[in-house]
Amino acid sequence: MNYFIADVNEQMGEFETVTTIRFKAENEDMADKIHKFVVAAWDDDDLVWDENDDCFSNDYASIWEGDVTEIDEHTFNQLGKHKSFPDMTPDDMSVVEDWCEESLIEEDH
């Protein structure tokens, strides 16, 4: 198992925020899929992929993937002691795989 931290970038009007999450994945390819999945589900309101702006958006927000970095298990566990670094590892990886297969987003996004 590999361990990652990743940024979720959000813009709401003039305000921009970055939230760092952490998750486990079998490899970098799966890490990219999990990152995209989390970003797509970040806001409960209906987000749609905006190919022109390379982000998910709705009437008031734009959300996109930020940096992703592989970290070691010890660091992953230590970050878990902080509420500001939620573990976003999906309970069921088949949900992520199904979403990726159904998604119309190109693989390089």
C-alpha atoms as a PDB file:
ATOM      1  CA  MET A   1       0.000   0.000   0.000  1.00  0.00           C
ATOM      2  CA  ASN A   2       1.170   3.536  -0.807  1.00  0.00           C
ATOM      3  CA  TYR A   3       0.283   6.709   1.056  1.00  0.00           C
ATOM      4  CA  PHE A   4      -0.496  10.122  -0.412  1.00  0.00           C
ATOM      5  CA  ILE A   5      -1.425  13.684   0.421  1.00  0.00           C
ATOM      6  CA  ALA A   6      -3.227  15.742  -2.191  1.00  0.00           C
ATOM      7  CA  ASP A   7      -4.692  19.207  -2.541  1.00  0.00           C
ATOM      8  CA  VAL A   8      -8.271  20.039  -3.452  1.00  0.00           C
ATOM      9  CA  ASN A   9      -8.445  23.578  -4.836  1.00  0.00           C
ATOM     10  CA  GLU A  10     -11.699  25.501  -4.657  1.00  0.00           C
ATOM     11  CA  GLN A  11     -12.662  28.924  -5.940  1.00  0.00           C
ATOM     12  CA  MET A  12     -15.878  30.643  -4.932  1.00  0.00           C
ATOM     13  CA  GLY A  13     -16.007  34.067  -6.523  1.00  0.00           C
ATOM     14  CA  GLU A  14     -12.929  35.959  -5.370  1.00  0.00           C
ATOM     15  CA  PHE A  15     -12.123  33.459  -2.620  1.00  0.00           C
ATOM     16  CA  GLU A  16      -9.781  30.537  -3.146  1.00  0.00           C
ATOM     17  CA  THR A  17      -9.064  27.756  -0.697  1.00  0.00           C
ATOM     18  CA  VAL A  18      -6.829  24.712  -0.691  1.00  0.00           C
ATOM     19  CA  THR A  19      -7.655  21.708   1.452  1.00  0.00           C
ATOM     20  CA  THR A  20      -5.095  18.957   1.854  1.00  0.00           C
ATOM     21  CA  ILE A  21      -6.396  15.417   2.145  1.00  0.00           C
ATOM     22  CA  ARG A  22      -4.688  12.098   2.633  1.00  0.00           C
ATOM     23  CA  PHE A  23      -5.482   8.651   1.302  1.00  0.00           C
ATOM     24  CA  LYS A  24      -4.065   5.198   0.617  1.00  0.00           C
ATOM     25  CA  ALA A  25      -3.784   3.671  -2.849  1.00  0.00           C
ATOM     26  CA  GLU A  26      -2.197   0.621  -4.412  1.00  0.00           C
ATOM     27  CA  ASN A  27      -0.209   2.689  -6.932  1.00  0.00           C
ATOM     28  CA  GLU A  28       0.084   6.141  -8.506  1.00  0.00           C
ATOM     29  CA  ASP A  29      -2.547   5.377 -11.142  1.00  0.00           C
ATOM     30  CA  MET A  30      -5.089   4.517  -8.456  1.00  0.00           C
ATOM     31  CA  ALA A  31      -3.995   7.582  -6.465  1.00  0.00           C
ATOM     32  CA  ASP A  32      -4.841   9.782  -9.461  1.00  0.00           C
ATOM     33  CA  LYS A  33      -8.247   8.117  -9.755  1.00  0.00           C
ATOM     34  CA  ILE A  34      -9.007   8.578  -6.058  1.00  0.00           C
ATOM     35  CA  HIS A  35      -7.902  12.215  -6.219  1.00  0.00           C
ATOM     36  CA  LYS A  36     -10.226  12.898  -9.179  1.00  0.00           C
ATOM     37  CA  PHE A  37     -13.076  11.034  -7.502  1.00  0.00           C
ATOM     38  CA  VAL A  38     -12.735  13.048  -4.280  1.00  0.00           C
ATOM     39  CA  VAL A  39     -12.568  16.331  -6.185  1.00  0.00           C
ATOM     40  CA  ALA A  40     -15.665  15.436  -8.226  1.00  0.00           C
ATOM     41  CA  ALA A  41     -17.586  14.638  -5.033  1.00  0.00           C
ATOM     42  CA  TRP A  42     -16.180  17.540  -3.008  1.00  0.00           C
ATOM     43  CA  ASP A  43     -19.292  19.711  -3.144  1.00  0.00           C
ATOM     44  CA  ASP A  44     -22.691  18.091  -2.684  1.00  0.00           C
ATOM     45  CA  ASP A  45     -24.206  20.418  -5.253  1.00  0.00           C
ATOM     46  CA  ASP A  46     -24.262  19.180  -8.813  1.00  0.00           C
ATOM     47  CA  LEU A  47     -20.735  19.623 -10.108  1.00  0.00           C
ATOM     48  CA  VAL A  48     -20.116  19.129 -13.797  1.00  0.00           C
ATOM     49  CA  TRP A  49     -16.837  18.882 -15.644  1.00  0.00           C
ATOM     50  CA  ASP A  50     -15.896  22.126 -17.388  1.00  0.00           C
ATOM     51  CA  GLU A  51     -13.458  21.136 -20.102  1.00  0.00           C
ATOM     52  CA  ASN A  52     -12.614  24.750 -20.960  1.00  0.00           C
ATOM     53  CA  ASP A  53     -11.518  25.569 -17.410  1.00  0.00           C
ATOM     54  CA  ASP A  54     -10.226  22.042 -16.631  1.00  0.00           C
ATOM     55  CA  CYS A  55     -12.237  21.803 -13.406  1.00  0.00           C
ATOM     56  CA  PHE A  56     -15.518  20.723 -11.886  1.00  0.00           C
ATOM     57  CA  SER A  57     -17.954  23.583 -11.435  1.00  0.00           C
ATOM     58  CA  ASN A  58     -21.480  24.664 -10.679  1.00  0.00           C
ATOM     59  CA  ASP A  59     -23.144  28.080 -10.478  1.00  0.00           C
ATOM     60  CA  TYR A  60     -20.953  29.336  -7.659  1.00  0.00           C
ATOM     61  CA  ALA A  61     -17.808  27.201  -7.320  1.00  0.00           C
ATOM     62  CA  SER A  62     -14.935  25.734  -9.296  1.00  0.00           C
ATOM     63  CA  ILE A  63     -13.035  22.782  -7.868  1.00  0.00           C
ATOM     64  CA  TRP A  64      -9.930  21.126  -9.286  1.00  0.00           C
ATOM     65  CA  GLU A  65      -7.091  18.816  -8.376  1.00  0.00           C
ATOM     66  CA  GLY A  66      -3.986  20.286  -6.867  1.00  0.00           C
ATOM     67  CA  ASP A  67      -0.666  18.656  -6.145  1.00  0.00           C
ATOM     68  CA  VAL A  68      -0.387  15.035  -5.048  1.00  0.00           C
ATOM     69  CA  THR A  69       2.635  13.707  -3.163  1.00  0.00           C
ATOM     70  CA  GLU A  70       3.528  10.224  -2.020  1.00  0.00           C
ATOM     71  CA  ILE A  71       4.492  10.046   1.654  1.00  0.00           C
ATOM     72  CA  ASP A  72       5.625   7.261   3.963  1.00  0.00           C
ATOM     73  CA  GLU A  73       3.317   5.320   6.284  1.00  0.00           C
ATOM     74  CA  HIS A  74       4.666   6.953   9.452  1.00  0.00           C
ATOM     75  CA  THR A  75       3.957  10.455   8.112  1.00  0.00           C
ATOM     76  CA  PHE A  76       0.497   9.346   6.939  1.00  0.00           C
ATOM     77  CA  ASN A  77      -0.317   8.063  10.422  1.00  0.00           C
ATOM     78  CA  GLN A  78       1.058  11.140  12.162  1.00  0.00           C
ATOM     79  CA  LEU A  79      -1.037  13.414   9.929  1.00  0.00           C
ATOM     80  CA  GLY A  80      -4.047  11.346  10.978  1.00  0.00           C
ATOM     81  CA  LYS A  81      -3.706  12.845  14.446  1.00  0.00           C
ATOM     82  CA  HIS A  82      -4.726  16.211  12.969  1.00  0.00           C
ATOM     83  CA  LYS A  83      -8.374  16.753  12.090  1.00  0.00           C
ATOM     84  CA  SER A  84      -7.310  19.008   9.234  1.00  0.00           C
ATOM     85  CA  PHE A  85      -5.938  16.013   7.281  1.00  0.00           C
ATOM     86  CA  PRO A  86      -8.930  13.708   6.770  1.00  0.00           C
ATOM     87  CA  ASP A  87      -8.350  10.189   5.448  1.00  0.00           C
ATOM     88  CA  MET A  88     -10.322  10.143   2.203  1.00  0.00           C
ATOM     89  CA  THR A  89      -9.476   6.552   1.271  1.00  0.00           C
ATOM     90  CA  PRO A  90     -12.674   5.119  -0.218  1.00  0.00           C
ATOM     91  CA  ASP A  91     -14.141   2.142   1.641  1.00  0.00           C
ATOM     92  CA  ASP A  92     -15.048   0.495  -1.652  1.00  0.00           C
ATOM     93  CA  MET A  93     -12.532   0.956  -4.459  1.00  0.00           C
ATOM     94  CA  SER A  94     -14.996  -0.498  -6.984  1.00  0.00           C
ATOM     95  CA  VAL A  95     -17.024   2.713  -6.612  1.00  0.00           C
ATOM     96  CA  VAL A  96     -13.983   4.720  -7.721  1.00  0.00           C
ATOM     97  CA  GLU A  97     -13.275   2.331 -10.595  1.00  0.00           C
ATOM     98  CA  ASP A  98     -16.910   2.447 -11.750  1.00  0.00           C
ATOM     99  CA  TRP A  99     -16.952   6.251 -11.563  1.00  0.00           C
ATOM    100  CA  CYS A 100     -13.739   6.472 -13.603  1.00  0.00           C
ATOM    101  CA  GLU A 101     -15.149   4.157 -16.269  1.00  0.00           C
ATOM    102  CA  GLU A 102     -18.417   6.099 -16.491  1.00  0.00           C
ATOM    103  CA  SER A 103     -16.795   9.517 -16.342  1.00  0.00           C
ATOM    104  CA  LEU A 104     -16.407  11.477 -19.538  1.00  0.00           C
ATOM    105  CA  ILE A 105     -13.281  13.171 -18.234  1.00  0.00           C
ATOM    106  CA  GLU A 106     -10.177  12.483 -20.239  1.00  0.00           C
ATOM    107  CA  GLU A 107      -7.527  10.402 -18.468  1.00  0.00           C
ATOM    108  CA  ASP A 108      -4.938  13.194 -18.481  1.00  0.00           C
ATOM    109  CA  HIS A 109      -7.129  15.490 -16.337  1.00  0.00           C
END
